[in-house]
Amino acid sequence: MGQKYLVSGKNLSMRLWEDEASGESKPPTAREYETVGYVIKGRAELQIEGQMMILDPGDLWLVPKGTSHSFSILEDLTAIEATHPPAHIHSRDEQ
């Protein structure tokens, strides 16, 4: 999916999304893990359960487990994201 895993433990993982290109909106999804993230550079729009927020450098986000969300990258984006439990275990980030 384009991410680089930085570290992964039994209950938590951290990944880097580096220079993700702006473009089309991603379809809504709900994941079986909680996500927190930090924007290093670029801009994105995040929709969570019908609420929209613009993420700029220095902004943080939280997507609770099972919450419907979608995003659009508005300007090429670099961000760090942590997931609990690790997103890649049992292919959670591919569902």
N, C-alpha and C. Protein backbone atom coordinates (compact mmCIF):
# COMPACT_ATOMS: atom_id res chain seq x y z
N MET A 1 0.81 -1.19 0.00
CA MET A 1 0.00 0.00 0.00
C MET A 1 0.85 1.26 0.00
N GLY A 2 2.17 1.13 -0.01
CA GLY A 2 3.02 2.31 -0.10
C GLY A 2 3.70 2.71 1.19
N GLN A 3 3.33 2.13 2.31
CA GLN A 3 3.91 2.50 3.58
C GLN A 3 5.22 1.75 3.83
N LYS A 4 6.03 2.31 4.73
CA LYS A 4 7.26 1.67 5.18
C LYS A 4 7.13 1.45 6.67
N TYR A 5 7.20 0.18 7.10
CA TYR A 5 7.10 -0.10 8.53
C TYR A 5 8.39 0.29 9.21
N LEU A 6 8.29 1.09 10.27
CA LEU A 6 9.44 1.57 11.01
C LEU A 6 9.75 0.65 12.19
N VAL A 7 8.71 0.18 12.86
CA VAL A 7 8.87 -0.71 14.00
C VAL A 7 7.52 -1.41 14.23
N SER A 8 7.59 -2.63 14.71
CA SER A 8 6.37 -3.36 15.00
C SER A 8 6.59 -4.25 16.21
N GLY A 9 5.67 -4.14 17.14
CA GLY A 9 5.68 -4.99 18.31
C GLY A 9 4.46 -5.89 18.31
N LYS A 10 4.20 -6.50 19.43
CA LYS A 10 3.06 -7.40 19.57
C LYS A 10 1.74 -6.64 19.52
N ASN A 11 1.72 -5.42 20.09
CA ASN A 11 0.46 -4.68 20.22
C ASN A 11 0.42 -3.35 19.47
N LEU A 12 1.53 -2.93 18.89
CA LEU A 12 1.60 -1.60 18.28
C LEU A 12 2.60 -1.62 17.12
N SER A 13 2.29 -0.88 16.07
CA SER A 13 3.26 -0.71 14.98
C SER A 13 3.28 0.74 14.55
N MET A 14 4.38 1.14 13.92
CA MET A 14 4.52 2.50 13.41
C MET A 14 5.01 2.40 11.97
N ARG A 15 4.41 3.22 11.12
CA ARG A 15 4.77 3.22 9.70
C ARG A 15 4.89 4.63 9.18
N LEU A 16 5.64 4.75 8.10
CA LEU A 16 5.89 6.03 7.44
C LEU A 16 5.26 6.01 6.06
N TRP A 17 4.48 7.03 5.77
CA TRP A 17 3.96 7.27 4.43
C TRP A 17 4.79 8.44 3.91
N GLU A 18 5.61 8.20 2.88
CA GLU A 18 6.56 9.21 2.42
C GLU A 18 6.26 9.64 1.00
N ASP A 19 6.06 10.95 0.83
CA ASP A 19 5.80 11.54 -0.48
C ASP A 19 4.65 10.85 -1.22
N GLU A 20 3.57 10.60 -0.49
CA GLU A 20 2.36 10.04 -1.10
C GLU A 20 1.75 11.11 -1.99
N ALA A 21 1.50 10.78 -3.24
CA ALA A 21 1.04 11.75 -4.23
C ALA A 21 -0.40 12.17 -4.00
N SER A 22 -0.67 13.43 -4.29
CA SER A 22 -2.05 13.92 -4.23
C SER A 22 -2.84 13.26 -5.35
N GLY A 23 -4.15 13.25 -5.18
CA GLY A 23 -4.97 12.62 -6.21
C GLY A 23 -6.37 12.33 -5.72
N GLU A 24 -6.91 11.23 -6.23
CA GLU A 24 -8.30 10.87 -5.95
C GLU A 24 -8.53 10.55 -4.48
N SER A 25 -9.77 10.74 -4.07
CA SER A 25 -10.18 10.37 -2.72
C SER A 25 -10.19 8.86 -2.59
N LYS A 26 -9.85 8.39 -1.42
CA LYS A 26 -9.92 6.96 -1.12
C LYS A 26 -11.35 6.65 -0.69
N PRO A 27 -11.88 5.49 -1.07
CA PRO A 27 -13.25 5.16 -0.67
C PRO A 27 -13.34 4.96 0.84
N PRO A 28 -14.52 5.18 1.42
CA PRO A 28 -14.69 4.97 2.86
C PRO A 28 -14.35 3.53 3.24
N THR A 29 -13.75 3.39 4.41
CA THR A 29 -13.41 2.07 4.93
C THR A 29 -13.50 2.11 6.45
N ALA A 30 -13.55 0.97 7.06
CA ALA A 30 -13.49 0.84 8.53
C ALA A 30 -12.48 -0.26 8.80
N ARG A 31 -11.48 0.04 9.59
CA ARG A 31 -10.39 -0.91 9.86
C ARG A 31 -10.53 -1.53 11.24
N GLU A 32 -9.93 -2.70 11.41
CA GLU A 32 -9.96 -3.43 12.67
C GLU A 32 -8.80 -3.06 13.57
N TYR A 33 -8.38 -1.82 13.48
CA TYR A 33 -7.33 -1.30 14.35
C TYR A 33 -7.54 0.19 14.55
N GLU A 34 -6.99 0.72 15.63
CA GLU A 34 -7.02 2.16 15.91
C GLU A 34 -5.79 2.79 15.28
N THR A 35 -5.93 4.01 14.76
CA THR A 35 -4.83 4.70 14.10
C THR A 35 -4.66 6.09 14.68
N VAL A 36 -3.41 6.45 14.96
CA VAL A 36 -3.06 7.84 15.28
C VAL A 36 -1.95 8.24 14.34
N GLY A 37 -1.93 9.50 13.91
CA GLY A 37 -0.92 9.93 12.96
C GLY A 37 -0.52 11.37 13.14
N TYR A 38 0.58 11.72 12.47
CA TYR A 38 1.17 13.07 12.53
C TYR A 38 1.63 13.44 11.13
N VAL A 39 1.20 14.61 10.65
CA VAL A 39 1.58 15.10 9.33
C VAL A 39 2.93 15.81 9.42
N ILE A 40 3.90 15.34 8.64
CA ILE A 40 5.22 15.96 8.57
C ILE A 40 5.24 17.04 7.50
N LYS A 41 4.72 16.71 6.32
CA LYS A 41 4.61 17.72 5.25
C LYS A 41 3.44 17.35 4.35
N GLY A 42 2.94 18.37 3.64
CA GLY A 42 1.80 18.18 2.75
C GLY A 42 0.49 18.49 3.44
N ARG A 43 -0.61 18.14 2.76
CA ARG A 43 -1.95 18.39 3.29
C ARG A 43 -2.86 17.25 2.90
N ALA A 44 -3.83 16.97 3.75
CA ALA A 44 -4.82 15.94 3.46
C ALA A 44 -6.16 16.35 4.04
N GLU A 45 -7.20 15.78 3.49
CA GLU A 45 -8.55 15.94 4.03
C GLU A 45 -8.97 14.58 4.57
N LEU A 46 -9.41 14.55 5.81
CA LEU A 46 -9.84 13.32 6.46
C LEU A 46 -11.32 13.44 6.81
N GLN A 47 -12.10 12.46 6.40
CA GLN A 47 -13.52 12.39 6.73
C GLN A 47 -13.71 11.23 7.69
N ILE A 48 -14.26 11.52 8.87
CA ILE A 48 -14.53 10.48 9.86
C ILE A 48 -15.99 10.57 10.25
N GLU A 49 -16.75 9.52 9.95
CA GLU A 49 -18.17 9.47 10.31
C GLU A 49 -18.89 10.74 9.89
N GLY A 50 -18.59 11.25 8.69
CA GLY A 50 -19.27 12.42 8.16
C GLY A 50 -18.69 13.76 8.58
N GLN A 51 -17.70 13.77 9.46
CA GLN A 51 -17.04 15.02 9.85
C GLN A 51 -15.74 15.16 9.06
N MET A 52 -15.48 16.36 8.53
CA MET A 52 -14.31 16.60 7.70
C MET A 52 -13.31 17.47 8.44
N MET A 53 -12.03 17.12 8.29
CA MET A 53 -10.97 17.97 8.84
C MET A 53 -9.84 18.05 7.82
N ILE A 54 -9.19 19.20 7.77
CA ILE A 54 -8.02 19.40 6.94
C ILE A 54 -6.79 19.21 7.82
N LEU A 55 -5.87 18.40 7.36
CA LEU A 55 -4.63 18.12 8.10
C LEU A 55 -3.47 18.82 7.41
N ASP A 56 -2.79 19.66 8.17
CA ASP A 56 -1.62 20.41 7.70
C ASP A 56 -0.40 19.92 8.48
N PRO A 57 0.82 20.31 8.05
CA PRO A 57 2.02 19.91 8.81
C PRO A 57 1.88 20.28 10.29
N GLY A 58 2.22 19.32 11.14
CA GLY A 58 2.11 19.51 12.58
C GLY A 58 0.79 19.03 13.17
N ASP A 59 -0.18 18.72 12.32
CA ASP A 59 -1.48 18.24 12.81
C ASP A 59 -1.43 16.75 13.10
N LEU A 60 -2.27 16.35 14.04
CA LEU A 60 -2.42 14.95 14.45
C LEU A 60 -3.82 14.49 14.11
N TRP A 61 -4.00 13.18 13.97
CA TRP A 61 -5.34 12.62 13.79
C TRP A 61 -5.47 11.32 14.57
N LEU A 62 -6.72 10.95 14.81
CA LEU A 62 -7.07 9.70 15.46
C LEU A 62 -8.28 9.12 14.75
N VAL A 63 -8.18 7.85 14.36
CA VAL A 63 -9.32 7.13 13.79
C VAL A 63 -9.56 5.92 14.69
N PRO A 64 -10.65 5.90 15.45
CA PRO A 64 -10.94 4.76 16.32
C PRO A 64 -11.20 3.48 15.51
N LYS A 65 -10.90 2.36 16.12
CA LYS A 65 -11.15 1.05 15.51
C LYS A 65 -12.61 0.95 15.07
N GLY A 66 -12.82 0.47 13.84
CA GLY A 66 -14.16 0.23 13.33
C GLY A 66 -14.89 1.46 12.84
N THR A 67 -14.26 2.62 12.84
CA THR A 67 -14.91 3.87 12.44
C THR A 67 -14.81 4.07 10.93
N SER A 68 -15.91 4.38 10.29
CA SER A 68 -15.91 4.65 8.86
C SER A 68 -15.15 5.95 8.59
N HIS A 69 -14.20 5.89 7.65
CA HIS A 69 -13.41 7.08 7.33
C HIS A 69 -12.89 6.99 5.90
N SER A 70 -12.53 8.15 5.36
CA SER A 70 -11.89 8.22 4.04
C SER A 70 -10.97 9.44 4.04
N PHE A 71 -10.08 9.49 3.06
CA PHE A 71 -9.18 10.64 2.99
C PHE A 71 -8.82 10.95 1.55
N SER A 72 -8.39 12.20 1.37
CA SER A 72 -7.86 12.67 0.09
C SER A 72 -6.55 13.38 0.39
N ILE A 73 -5.53 13.10 -0.39
CA ILE A 73 -4.27 13.82 -0.26
C ILE A 73 -4.36 15.04 -1.15
N LEU A 74 -4.28 16.22 -0.54
CA LEU A 74 -4.43 17.48 -1.26
C LEU A 74 -3.09 17.99 -1.80
N GLU A 75 -2.01 17.76 -1.06
CA GLU A 75 -0.64 18.08 -1.47
C GLU A 75 0.23 16.91 -1.06
N ASP A 76 1.20 16.54 -1.89
CA ASP A 76 2.04 15.37 -1.60
C ASP A 76 2.33 15.30 -0.11
N LEU A 77 2.11 14.12 0.48
CA LEU A 77 2.05 13.96 1.92
C LEU A 77 3.13 13.04 2.46
N THR A 78 3.75 13.46 3.56
CA THR A 78 4.61 12.60 4.36
C THR A 78 4.05 12.63 5.77
N ALA A 79 3.78 11.44 6.32
CA ALA A 79 3.17 11.34 7.64
C ALA A 79 3.64 10.07 8.33
N ILE A 80 3.61 10.10 9.65
CA ILE A 80 3.90 8.92 10.46
C ILE A 80 2.59 8.50 11.11
N GLU A 81 2.38 7.19 11.17
CA GLU A 81 1.13 6.65 11.68
C GLU A 81 1.43 5.46 12.59
N ALA A 82 0.72 5.37 13.70
CA ALA A 82 0.83 4.22 14.59
C ALA A 82 -0.52 3.52 14.63
N THR A 83 -0.50 2.19 14.68
CA THR A 83 -1.73 1.42 14.73
C THR A 83 -1.69 0.43 15.88
N HIS A 84 -2.87 0.22 16.49
CA HIS A 84 -3.02 -0.75 17.57
C HIS A 84 -4.29 -1.54 17.32
N PRO A 85 -4.20 -2.85 17.19
CA PRO A 85 -2.99 -3.64 17.07
C PRO A 85 -2.30 -3.37 15.73
N PRO A 86 -1.10 -3.92 15.51
CA PRO A 86 -0.38 -3.66 14.27
C PRO A 86 -1.25 -3.92 13.03
N ALA A 87 -1.28 -2.97 12.12
CA ALA A 87 -2.14 -3.05 10.94
C ALA A 87 -1.80 -4.22 10.04
N HIS A 88 -0.55 -4.60 9.95
CA HIS A 88 -0.16 -5.63 8.99
C HIS A 88 -0.38 -7.06 9.48
N ILE A 89 -0.64 -7.24 10.77
CA ILE A 89 -0.86 -8.59 11.30
C ILE A 89 -2.16 -9.14 10.70
N HIS A 90 -2.10 -10.33 10.17
CA HIS A 90 -3.26 -10.99 9.54
C HIS A 90 -3.87 -10.16 8.42
N SER A 91 -3.03 -9.36 7.74
CA SER A 91 -3.44 -8.56 6.57
C SER A 91 -4.56 -7.56 6.91
N ARG A 92 -4.58 -7.02 8.13
CA ARG A 92 -5.63 -6.07 8.53
C ARG A 92 -5.67 -4.84 7.63
N ASP A 93 -4.52 -4.39 7.12
CA ASP A 93 -4.52 -3.17 6.32
C ASP A 93 -4.86 -3.43 4.85
N GLU A 94 -5.19 -4.63 4.50
CA GLU A 94 -5.57 -4.96 3.12
C GLU A 94 -7.06 -5.22 3.00
N GLN A 95 -7.78 -5.21 4.11
CA GLN A 95 -9.20 -5.52 4.09
C GLN A 95 -10.05 -4.30 3.86
